[in-house]
Amino acid sequence: MEEKVLISGAGPSGLVLALALSRQGIPFTIIDKDDGPGTTSRAMAVHARTLEFYEQLGIANKIVINGMIVNKINFFRNKNHLADIPLGMIGQDLSEFPYILILPQDVHEEILVDALNEAGHEVKWQHELKNFKDDGETVEVEMETPEGTVTENFAYLCGCDGASSTVRKALDIDFTGGTYDPVFFVADVENGTFLENPAVGFHEEDFCLGFPIRTMDQVRLIGLIPDEYMEDGEAPEGFSGLAAHAESILPVKVEQVNWYSSYRSHHRVAESFRKGRVFLVGDAGHIHSPVGGQGMNTGIGDAVNLSWKLSAVLKGRAAEDILHTYEKERIKFAHTLLQTTDRMFNFMVNKQRLRNFIIPVFIPRILRFSNMKDRLFRTISQIHVDYRESDLSGGATGKVKGGDRLPWTGRGEANNFRPLRSLDWQIHAYGEAGDEVASFAEEMGFEFFHMSWEESFEDTGMEEDSVYLIRPDGHISVAVKPENVEDIRAMVEKYSIQRLH
């Protein structure tokens, strides 16, 4: 058997996993039971940490030029404008992508599929995973294809097959959590008014969100379905009544409905993200409320985290134990995110009118302070995600600890993220690293990147004369002073780590 990976599911998580494996030269097969990429907008927000990953994969520019940057969020009460939150370049000193990007998921997936095709790979559409058996050495997979049932063997199976994951169910992994009571509507409409930026409207106990997609006159509307619009406990089949409801809350005029659906939001995390040679990625392992646009971005983070670890093991460039760190690192964040989005969701749907003051009036005021803006951006963008408790993390210098995302130092010559495009292990030194650290990096077989110290680096939490062992995903594995570089050797030997390329 040729060592390779089966990716079941060609949504954003599966496609990114495939792209990353392709960059690492790992043979894989990616399948999906549908006959092609999705055709509806669905998930819309693409956050900075995802764009940083995409820069490593060489597709960030194409994603950005096809999206729309959110300049501000406007707040309305009874259709009257109350306040706004300026966003624009809110994270300008924190990331190369200091904004929130709006990109419909169908366009997003099309770009990912095109990138995969350009790399010489294709999704096998109309291929459905039916069953599999992990014997400890390989995973035998049974698939239903247009030509009939086929059986193949793979080194690893990655379930990227969504909230109703066949892979998760076959593994009998509990998907603990629940379903929120409120029923929501979501609709993509042609708007007769000009909505340049996202808007949140409140009216008594109701609220509605609207934001432009594709063009300024196409708008996504999301809101609670009031009880009086429900039909025998079910959402209405048509959108006409809800269109009038949305128009009473936001300054929009629905002229045509392109897509409408209703849903209850779920909050669940799988009991584990791995069993033997099988992994859960994205919605197969965790689903959250849509507050903050975190779900898809979190799934992409899963895919990136797993991709380089699978690559290292399959190439014989790391011990298989390194795969254990995938679950520990990502399941912790999934639980943290669920708690955060739970609180935000429950406050948003709270029918007490205090909500109608706190969100549109109080929050814009506190976000006038730069430290609060930074905190908001770090959280929403996911650049704050750390793996400090991982067995792959150790050491600290200044405020930076092993497991943190490498702090970004700036554009141009000061851009310390450029070397990360290699998707490989590397050693970074900031300040007077000296020839000894360079020689150490050469001895270890890792790329070496050195930057002279600048005072502005202190704002990132860095400390002068620091040395970092950087993982292929841009997180710091070990942070030490030059005299303690042997701590890096200890981590490398612990997992038998070698360069991937």
Protein backbone atom coordinates (compact mmCIF):
# COMPACT_ATOMS: atom_id res chain seq x y z
CA MET A 1 0.00 0.00 0.00
CA GLU A 2 1.22 3.49 -0.85
CA GLU A 3 1.21 5.52 2.35
CA LYS A 4 -1.57 8.08 1.97
CA VAL A 5 -4.44 9.83 3.65
CA LEU A 6 -8.15 9.63 2.87
CA ILE A 7 -10.00 12.89 3.45
CA SER A 8 -13.75 12.33 3.66
CA GLY A 9 -15.49 15.63 2.99
CA ALA A 10 -14.60 18.48 0.63
CA GLY A 11 -15.81 21.48 2.59
CA PRO A 12 -13.32 24.16 3.67
CA SER A 13 -11.68 21.96 6.33
CA GLY A 14 -11.17 19.01 4.01
CA LEU A 15 -9.97 21.18 1.13
CA VAL A 16 -7.44 23.01 3.31
CA LEU A 17 -6.17 19.71 4.71
CA ALA A 18 -5.75 18.47 1.14
CA LEU A 19 -3.93 21.63 0.06
CA ALA A 20 -1.57 21.47 3.02
CA LEU A 21 -0.78 17.79 2.41
CA SER A 22 -0.18 18.63 -1.24
CA ARG A 23 2.35 21.30 -0.26
CA GLN A 24 4.11 18.69 1.88
CA GLY A 25 4.18 16.15 -0.95
CA ILE A 26 1.96 13.63 0.84
CA PRO A 27 -0.21 11.34 -1.36
CA PHE A 28 -3.89 11.65 -0.46
CA THR A 29 -7.39 11.09 -1.77
CA ILE A 30 -10.22 13.54 -1.06
CA ILE A 31 -13.83 12.46 -1.58
CA ASP A 32 -17.26 13.99 -1.16
CA LYS A 33 -20.71 12.51 -1.61
CA ASP A 34 -22.04 15.64 -3.37
CA ASP A 35 -21.61 16.17 -7.09
CA GLY A 36 -19.62 19.40 -6.73
CA PRO A 37 -18.79 22.32 -4.43
CA GLY A 38 -21.57 24.09 -2.55
CA THR A 39 -23.60 26.75 -4.34
CA THR A 40 -24.88 28.82 -1.39
CA SER A 41 -23.10 31.46 0.68
CA ARG A 42 -23.32 29.77 4.13
CA ALA A 43 -20.27 30.67 6.28
CA MET A 44 -19.13 34.20 5.46
CA ALA A 45 -16.35 35.41 7.76
CA VAL A 46 -12.69 34.68 7.02
CA HIS A 47 -10.53 35.78 9.93
CA ALA A 48 -6.91 36.89 10.18
CA ARG A 49 -5.46 33.62 11.51
CA THR A 50 -7.03 31.75 8.60
CA LEU A 51 -5.58 34.29 6.16
CA GLU A 52 -2.16 33.85 7.78
CA PHE A 53 -2.43 30.12 7.12
CA TYR A 54 -3.52 30.87 3.56
CA GLU A 55 -0.46 33.07 3.08
CA GLN A 56 1.65 30.04 3.97
CA LEU A 57 -0.26 28.03 1.36
CA GLY A 58 0.09 30.77 -1.26
CA ILE A 59 -3.62 31.58 -1.71
CA ALA A 60 -4.22 34.52 0.65
CA ASN A 61 -4.16 37.16 -2.08
CA LYS A 62 -6.79 35.38 -4.17
CA ILE A 63 -9.05 35.02 -1.13
CA VAL A 64 -8.68 38.68 -0.14
CA ILE A 65 -9.32 40.17 -3.59
CA ASN A 66 -12.53 38.14 -3.89
CA GLY A 67 -13.80 39.21 -0.47
CA MET A 68 -15.07 42.40 1.15
CA ILE A 69 -13.36 44.00 4.15
CA VAL A 70 -15.73 45.00 6.96
CA ASN A 71 -15.12 48.71 7.58
CA LYS A 72 -17.61 49.11 10.40
CA ILE A 73 -20.73 47.66 12.00
CA ASN A 74 -23.77 49.93 12.28
CA PHE A 75 -26.33 49.61 15.08
CA PHE A 76 -30.00 50.50 14.71
CA ARG A 77 -32.95 50.63 17.08
CA ASN A 78 -36.37 50.81 15.44
CA LYS A 79 -34.52 51.56 12.16
CA ASN A 80 -32.87 54.63 13.71
CA HIS A 81 -29.07 54.68 13.57
CA LEU A 82 -27.61 54.68 17.08
CA ALA A 83 -23.89 54.07 16.76
CA ASP A 84 -21.22 52.19 14.88
CA ILE A 85 -18.05 50.26 15.62
CA PRO A 86 -15.23 51.24 13.25
CA LEU A 87 -13.35 48.10 12.27
CA GLY A 88 -11.42 48.49 9.02
CA MET A 89 -7.77 47.91 9.95
CA ILE A 90 -8.61 47.22 13.60
CA GLY A 91 -5.66 44.85 14.03
CA GLN A 92 -3.10 46.87 12.04
CA ASP A 93 -0.22 46.22 14.46
CA LEU A 94 -1.19 42.62 15.18
CA SER A 95 -1.42 40.83 11.84
CA GLU A 96 -0.62 41.19 8.17
CA PHE A 97 -4.40 40.78 7.68
CA PRO A 98 -5.78 43.27 10.24
CA TYR A 99 -9.44 43.01 9.30
CA ILE A 100 -12.53 40.84 9.07
CA LEU A 101 -13.12 39.58 5.53
CA ILE A 102 -16.54 38.65 4.16
CA LEU A 103 -16.44 35.93 1.50
CA PRO A 104 -19.37 33.65 0.63
CA GLN A 105 -18.51 30.02 1.28
CA ASP A 106 -19.31 28.93 -2.27
CA VAL A 107 -16.74 31.41 -3.65
CA HIS A 108 -14.32 30.39 -0.91
CA GLU A 109 -14.64 26.69 -1.76
CA GLU A 110 -14.27 27.40 -5.48
CA ILE A 111 -10.92 29.11 -4.82
CA LEU A 112 -9.75 26.18 -2.71
CA VAL A 113 -10.82 23.64 -5.33
CA ASP A 114 -9.06 25.64 -8.07
CA ALA A 115 -5.88 25.78 -5.98
CA LEU A 116 -6.06 22.04 -5.47
CA ASN A 117 -6.55 21.46 -9.19
CA GLU A 118 -3.60 23.72 -10.00
CA ALA A 119 -1.50 21.55 -7.68
CA GLY A 120 -2.47 18.50 -9.74
CA HIS A 121 -5.21 17.06 -7.51
CA GLU A 122 -8.95 16.64 -7.89
CA VAL A 123 -11.81 16.01 -5.51
CA LYS A 124 -13.55 12.71 -6.20
CA TRP A 125 -17.14 13.91 -6.21
CA GLN A 126 -20.04 11.47 -5.81
CA HIS A 127 -17.83 9.25 -3.68
CA GLU A 128 -19.35 8.42 -0.31
CA LEU A 129 -17.60 6.70 2.57
CA LYS A 130 -19.83 3.84 3.71
CA ASN A 131 -17.69 1.87 6.16
CA PHE A 132 -14.13 1.45 7.38
CA LYS A 133 -11.99 -0.79 9.56
CA ASP A 134 -8.84 0.27 11.42
CA ASP A 135 -6.60 -2.76 12.03
CA GLY A 136 -3.85 -0.73 13.70
CA GLU A 137 -1.63 -0.78 10.62
CA THR A 138 -3.97 0.54 7.92
CA VAL A 139 -7.54 1.74 7.52
CA GLU A 140 -9.61 -0.32 5.08
CA VAL A 141 -12.29 1.90 3.58
CA GLU A 142 -15.43 0.99 1.65
CA MET A 143 -16.71 3.72 -0.68
CA GLU A 144 -19.76 4.04 -2.89
CA THR A 145 -18.76 5.56 -6.23
CA PRO A 146 -20.51 6.15 -9.59
CA GLU A 147 -18.81 2.92 -10.76
CA GLY A 148 -20.01 0.93 -7.75
CA THR A 149 -18.60 -0.06 -4.37
CA VAL A 150 -14.82 -0.03 -4.02
CA THR A 151 -12.50 -0.94 -1.15
CA GLU A 152 -9.11 0.73 -0.59
CA ASN A 153 -6.49 0.89 2.15
CA PHE A 154 -5.07 4.09 3.61
CA ALA A 155 -2.56 4.96 6.28
CA TYR A 156 -4.94 7.43 7.94
CA LEU A 157 -8.56 8.54 7.60
CA CYS A 158 -9.63 12.13 8.29
CA GLY A 159 -13.33 12.75 8.84
CA CYS A 160 -14.04 16.24 7.50
CA ASP A 161 -17.64 15.26 6.83
CA GLY A 162 -19.58 17.79 8.88
CA ALA A 163 -21.87 17.81 11.87
CA SER A 164 -23.62 14.58 10.82
CA SER A 165 -20.23 12.90 10.35
CA THR A 166 -20.35 9.30 9.18
CA VAL A 167 -16.81 8.88 10.49
CA ARG A 168 -17.66 10.08 14.00
CA LYS A 169 -20.77 7.91 14.19
CA ALA A 170 -18.86 4.84 12.99
CA LEU A 171 -16.28 5.43 15.72
CA ASP A 172 -19.13 5.67 18.27
CA ILE A 173 -17.73 8.93 19.64
CA ASP A 174 -20.21 10.92 21.73
CA PHE A 175 -21.10 14.37 20.38
CA THR A 176 -22.01 16.03 23.65
CA GLY A 177 -23.91 19.29 23.89
CA GLY A 178 -27.33 20.37 22.76
CA THR A 179 -29.55 22.52 20.59
CA TYR A 180 -30.65 26.07 21.33
CA ASP A 181 -34.41 26.66 21.45
CA PRO A 182 -34.72 29.76 19.23
CA VAL A 183 -35.44 29.24 15.54
CA PHE A 184 -33.54 31.50 13.15
CA PHE A 185 -34.07 32.55 9.58
CA VAL A 186 -31.25 33.14 7.14
CA ALA A 187 -31.80 34.58 3.69
CA ASP A 188 -29.73 35.97 0.85
CA VAL A 189 -31.72 38.73 -0.81
CA GLU A 190 -31.53 41.48 -3.41
CA ASN A 191 -31.70 44.72 -1.43
CA GLY A 192 -33.29 47.89 -2.78
CA THR A 193 -31.39 50.15 -0.39
CA PHE A 194 -27.65 50.69 -0.02
CA LEU A 195 -26.13 48.60 2.77
CA GLU A 196 -22.38 49.16 2.57
CA ASN A 197 -21.46 47.66 5.95
CA PRO A 198 -22.88 45.04 8.31
CA ALA A 199 -25.81 46.21 10.40
CA VAL A 200 -27.43 44.99 13.60
CA GLY A 201 -30.97 46.12 14.34
CA PHE A 202 -33.07 45.88 17.50
CA HIS A 203 -36.80 46.30 17.95
CA GLU A 204 -38.32 45.47 21.32
CA GLU A 205 -37.61 41.74 21.79
CA ASP A 206 -36.42 41.11 18.24
CA PHE A 207 -33.14 41.63 16.43
CA CYS A 208 -31.88 41.18 12.89
CA LEU A 209 -28.45 41.17 11.28
CA GLY A 210 -27.72 42.24 7.74
CA PHE A 211 -24.48 42.37 5.81
CA PRO A 212 -23.52 42.75 2.16
CA ILE A 213 -22.34 39.74 0.21
CA ARG A 214 -20.80 39.60 -3.26
CA THR A 215 -22.05 43.13 -4.08
CA MET A 216 -23.50 45.99 -2.06
CA ASP A 217 -27.05 45.24 -3.22
CA GLN A 218 -26.96 41.58 -2.18
CA VAL A 219 -27.55 41.16 1.53
CA ARG A 220 -27.53 38.27 3.99
CA LEU A 221 -30.27 38.61 6.61
CA ILE A 222 -30.25 36.62 9.85
CA GLY A 223 -32.68 36.91 12.72
CA LEU A 224 -34.95 35.24 15.22
CA ILE A 225 -38.29 34.03 13.91
CA PRO A 226 -40.94 35.58 16.19
CA ASP A 227 -43.56 33.22 17.59
CA GLU A 228 -46.32 34.82 15.53
CA TYR A 229 -44.57 33.79 12.32
CA MET A 230 -44.19 30.14 13.29
CA GLU A 231 -46.62 27.70 11.68
CA ASP A 232 -47.57 24.82 13.99
CA GLY A 233 -44.18 25.05 15.65
CA GLU A 234 -42.32 25.13 12.33
CA ALA A 235 -40.68 27.94 10.41
CA PRO A 236 -42.77 29.41 7.58
CA GLU A 237 -42.19 27.92 4.14
CA GLY A 238 -41.98 31.31 2.44
CA PHE A 239 -39.99 34.42 3.34
CA SER A 240 -42.50 37.17 2.53
CA GLY A 241 -43.70 37.67 6.11
CA LEU A 242 -40.18 37.54 7.50
CA ALA A 243 -39.03 39.97 4.81
CA ALA A 244 -41.49 42.54 6.14
CA HIS A 245 -40.31 41.74 9.66
CA ALA A 246 -36.66 42.36 8.69
CA GLU A 247 -37.62 45.61 6.94
CA SER A 248 -39.21 46.82 10.19
CA ILE A 249 -35.91 46.41 12.03
CA LEU A 250 -33.20 47.28 9.48
CA PRO A 251 -33.00 49.90 6.69
CA VAL A 252 -33.37 47.28 3.96
CA LYS A 253 -35.88 46.65 1.18
CA VAL A 254 -36.21 43.02 0.09
CA GLU A 255 -36.81 42.97 -3.67
CA GLN A 256 -35.94 39.35 -4.39
CA VAL A 257 -35.14 36.28 -2.29
CA ASN A 258 -32.26 34.21 -3.68
CA TRP A 259 -32.09 31.70 -0.85
CA TYR A 260 -33.95 31.21 2.43
CA SER A 261 -33.65 28.65 5.19
CA SER A 262 -34.35 28.24 8.87
CA TYR A 263 -32.37 26.49 11.55
CA ARG A 264 -31.77 25.91 15.20
CA SER A 265 -28.21 26.46 16.31
CA HIS A 266 -26.27 23.64 17.97
CA HIS A 267 -23.41 23.54 20.44
CA ARG A 268 -21.54 20.25 20.62
CA VAL A 269 -17.99 18.93 20.97
CA ALA A 270 -16.95 15.35 20.26
CA GLU A 271 -15.66 13.34 23.21
CA SER A 272 -12.41 12.82 21.30
CA PHE A 273 -10.89 13.96 18.01
CA ARG A 274 -8.93 10.79 17.36
CA LYS A 275 -9.32 7.06 17.62
CA GLY A 276 -6.41 5.01 16.31
CA ARG A 277 -5.65 6.00 12.74
CA VAL A 278 -8.83 8.03 12.33
CA PHE A 279 -9.21 11.77 13.04
CA LEU A 280 -12.12 14.19 13.25
CA VAL A 281 -11.66 17.63 11.71
CA GLY A 282 -13.93 20.69 11.66
CA ASP A 283 -17.68 20.32 12.18
CA ALA A 284 -17.25 16.56 12.55
CA GLY A 285 -15.64 17.33 15.90
CA HIS A 286 -17.30 20.53 17.04
CA ILE A 287 -20.20 22.82 16.15
CA HIS A 288 -20.94 26.20 17.66
CA SER A 289 -23.42 29.03 17.42
CA PRO A 290 -22.68 31.28 14.42
CA VAL A 291 -21.82 34.23 16.69
CA GLY A 292 -18.52 35.74 15.61
CA GLY A 293 -18.14 33.56 12.52
CA GLN A 294 -15.85 31.14 14.34
CA GLY A 295 -16.94 27.67 13.17
CA MET A 296 -15.42 27.44 9.69
CA ASN A 297 -12.24 29.22 10.78
CA THR A 298 -11.84 26.79 13.66
CA GLY A 299 -12.21 23.83 11.31
CA ILE A 300 -9.53 25.27 9.04
CA GLY A 301 -7.30 25.64 12.10
CA ASP A 302 -7.86 21.95 12.84
CA ALA A 303 -6.85 21.04 9.29
CA VAL A 304 -3.63 23.05 9.42
CA ASN A 305 -2.69 21.65 12.83
CA LEU A 306 -3.18 18.05 11.70
CA SER A 307 -1.66 18.39 8.23
CA TRP A 308 1.97 18.96 9.16
CA LYS A 309 1.88 16.31 11.89
CA LEU A 310 0.57 13.68 9.48
CA SER A 311 3.19 14.79 6.96
CA ALA A 312 6.00 14.48 9.50
CA VAL A 313 4.97 10.97 10.54
CA LEU A 314 4.36 9.72 6.99
CA LYS A 315 7.76 11.04 5.90
CA GLY A 316 9.49 9.49 8.91
CA ARG A 317 10.48 12.98 10.12
CA ALA A 318 8.81 12.73 13.54
CA ALA A 319 7.74 10.05 15.99
CA GLU A 320 4.15 8.90 15.71
CA ASP A 321 3.56 10.22 19.23
CA ILE A 322 3.40 13.72 17.75
CA LEU A 323 -0.08 12.87 16.46
CA HIS A 324 -1.35 12.72 20.06
CA THR A 325 -0.86 16.49 20.29
CA TYR A 326 -3.54 17.16 17.65
CA GLU A 327 -6.43 16.25 19.92
CA LYS A 328 -5.00 17.90 23.03
CA GLU A 329 -4.35 21.17 21.24
CA ARG A 330 -7.54 21.45 19.24
CA ILE A 331 -10.14 19.95 21.58
CA LYS A 332 -9.15 22.40 24.31
CA PHE A 333 -9.78 25.33 21.99
CA ALA A 334 -13.07 23.82 20.79
CA HIS A 335 -14.35 23.65 24.38
CA THR A 336 -13.16 27.19 25.14
CA LEU A 337 -14.81 28.50 21.99
CA LEU A 338 -18.06 26.72 22.77
CA GLN A 339 -18.22 28.37 26.20
CA THR A 340 -17.50 31.79 24.71
CA THR A 341 -19.99 31.56 21.86
CA ASP A 342 -22.57 30.10 24.27
CA ARG A 343 -22.40 33.23 26.42
CA MET A 344 -22.49 35.55 23.42
CA PHE A 345 -25.37 33.66 21.82
CA ASN A 346 -27.49 33.59 24.96
CA PHE A 347 -27.00 37.32 25.43
CA MET A 348 -27.90 38.05 21.80
CA VAL A 349 -31.17 36.12 21.98
CA ASN A 350 -32.02 37.40 25.46
CA LYS A 351 -35.38 39.12 25.17
CA GLN A 352 -34.70 41.51 28.06
CA ARG A 353 -34.49 45.00 26.65
CA LEU A 354 -31.27 45.73 28.53
CA ARG A 355 -29.63 43.92 25.61
CA ASN A 356 -30.95 46.65 23.32
CA PHE A 357 -28.88 49.20 25.26
CA ILE A 358 -25.71 47.26 26.04
CA ILE A 359 -25.01 46.04 22.50
CA PRO A 360 -25.76 49.13 20.37
CA VAL A 361 -24.78 51.83 22.89
CA PHE A 362 -22.39 50.56 25.57
CA ILE A 363 -20.18 48.27 23.45
CA PRO A 364 -19.33 50.94 20.81
CA ARG A 365 -18.29 53.26 23.64
CA ILE A 366 -15.89 50.86 25.33
CA LEU A 367 -14.39 49.93 21.97
CA ARG A 368 -13.14 53.49 21.59
CA PHE A 369 -10.22 52.41 23.76
CA SER A 370 -7.35 50.88 21.78
CA ASN A 371 -6.67 48.11 24.30
CA MET A 372 -10.28 46.95 24.02
CA LYS A 373 -10.06 47.01 20.22
CA ASP A 374 -6.90 44.90 20.39
CA ARG A 375 -8.61 42.42 22.70
CA LEU A 376 -11.62 42.19 20.39
CA PHE A 377 -9.45 41.60 17.33
CA ARG A 378 -7.24 39.02 19.03
CA THR A 379 -10.31 37.06 20.07
CA ILE A 380 -12.35 37.21 16.88
CA SER A 381 -9.36 36.73 14.57
CA GLN A 382 -8.14 33.67 16.55
CA ILE A 383 -4.58 35.01 16.68
CA HIS A 384 -4.89 34.61 20.45
CA VAL A 385 -5.16 30.81 20.21
CA ASP A 386 -2.27 29.17 22.04
CA TYR A 387 -1.05 25.65 22.76
CA ARG A 388 0.78 26.45 25.98
CA GLU A 389 -0.44 23.27 27.66
CA SER A 390 0.69 21.05 24.77
CA ASP A 391 3.47 18.52 25.21
CA LEU A 392 5.04 20.20 22.16
CA SER A 393 5.42 23.50 24.03
CA GLY A 394 7.98 24.75 26.51
CA GLY A 395 9.90 27.75 27.78
CA ALA A 396 9.17 31.47 27.93
CA THR A 397 10.92 34.76 27.22
CA GLY A 398 9.20 38.01 28.09
CA LYS A 399 5.46 37.59 27.64
CA VAL A 400 5.92 35.01 24.89
CA LYS A 401 5.58 31.35 25.83
CA GLY A 402 5.99 28.08 24.02
CA GLY A 403 2.68 27.31 22.32
CA ASP A 404 1.91 30.91 21.38
CA ARG A 405 1.43 32.02 17.80
CA LEU A 406 4.63 33.71 16.70
CA PRO A 407 4.05 37.46 17.22
CA TRP A 408 3.99 39.40 13.97
CA THR A 409 6.66 42.11 13.79
CA GLY A 410 5.52 44.19 10.81
CA ARG A 411 5.53 44.61 7.07
CA GLY A 412 8.34 44.80 4.55
CA GLU A 413 11.77 43.83 5.79
CA ALA A 414 10.37 43.54 9.32
CA ASN A 415 7.88 40.83 8.31
CA ASN A 416 8.96 37.78 10.30
CA PHE A 417 6.11 35.71 8.80
CA ARG A 418 7.76 35.48 5.38
CA PRO A 419 9.95 32.50 6.34
CA LEU A 420 6.81 30.64 7.49
CA ARG A 421 5.89 30.09 3.83
CA SER A 422 8.24 27.10 3.85
CA LEU A 423 5.74 25.20 6.06
CA ASP A 424 8.70 23.74 7.92
CA TRP A 425 10.44 23.76 11.27
CA GLN A 426 12.76 26.74 11.76
CA ILE A 427 14.67 28.62 14.43
CA HIS A 428 14.16 32.37 14.88
CA ALA A 429 16.41 34.72 16.84
CA TYR A 430 15.59 38.32 17.74
CA GLY A 431 18.40 40.57 18.97
CA GLU A 432 22.01 39.61 19.52
CA ALA A 433 21.69 35.93 18.76
CA GLY A 434 25.32 35.48 17.81
CA ASP A 435 26.99 32.95 15.60
CA GLU A 436 26.52 30.20 18.18
CA VAL A 437 22.74 30.11 17.67
CA ALA A 438 23.17 30.10 13.89
CA SER A 439 25.61 27.21 14.22
CA PHE A 440 23.17 25.40 16.51
CA ALA A 441 20.37 25.78 13.95
CA GLU A 442 22.64 24.44 11.22
CA GLU A 443 23.62 21.50 13.42
CA MET A 444 19.94 20.71 14.06
CA GLY A 445 19.24 20.94 10.33
CA PHE A 446 16.69 23.75 10.61
CA GLU A 447 16.28 26.98 8.68
CA PHE A 448 17.60 29.96 10.65
CA PHE A 449 16.01 33.42 10.62
CA HIS A 450 17.59 36.34 12.48
CA MET A 451 16.26 39.86 13.05
CA SER A 452 18.06 42.75 14.72
CA TRP A 453 16.15 44.05 17.70
CA GLU A 454 13.75 46.97 17.33
CA GLU A 455 11.99 48.69 20.23
CA SER A 456 8.62 48.16 18.56
CA PHE A 457 9.03 44.41 19.07
CA GLU A 458 8.39 44.94 22.80
CA ASP A 459 4.78 45.82 21.95
CA THR A 460 4.30 42.26 20.68
CA GLY A 461 5.37 40.79 24.03
CA MET A 462 8.78 39.73 22.78
CA GLU A 463 11.93 40.11 24.85
CA GLU A 464 15.27 41.10 23.36
CA ASP A 465 17.71 38.27 22.69
CA SER A 466 15.11 35.52 22.37
CA VAL A 467 15.34 32.31 20.40
CA TYR A 468 12.29 30.38 19.21
CA LEU A 469 11.81 26.94 17.71
CA ILE A 470 8.94 27.53 15.27
CA ARG A 471 6.53 24.82 14.16
CA PRO A 472 5.37 24.48 10.55
CA ASP A 473 2.05 26.14 11.48
CA GLY A 474 3.72 29.29 12.83
CA HIS A 475 3.31 28.50 16.52
CA ILE A 476 6.30 28.60 18.85
CA SER A 477 7.30 25.21 20.19
CA VAL A 478 10.12 26.36 22.49
CA ALA A 479 11.02 29.89 23.64
CA VAL A 480 14.44 30.35 25.28
CA LYS A 481 17.37 32.72 25.74
CA PRO A 482 20.48 31.98 23.63
CA GLU A 483 22.27 30.30 26.53
CA ASN A 484 19.43 27.76 26.85
CA VAL A 485 19.19 26.51 23.26
CA GLU A 486 19.80 22.96 24.48
CA ASP A 487 16.13 23.04 25.58
CA ILE A 488 15.31 23.13 21.88
CA ARG A 489 17.43 20.04 21.31
CA ALA A 490 15.53 18.25 24.09
CA MET A 491 12.18 18.96 22.41
CA VAL A 492 13.51 17.89 19.01
CA GLU A 493 14.83 14.63 20.42
CA LYS A 494 11.61 14.00 22.38
CA TYR A 495 9.64 13.72 19.13
CA SER A 496 12.51 12.76 16.76
CA ILE A 497 11.79 15.94 14.80
CA GLN A 498 13.50 16.59 11.47
CA ARG A 499 12.98 19.15 8.73
CA LEU A 500 10.04 18.27 6.52
CA HIS A 501 11.70 19.40 3.27
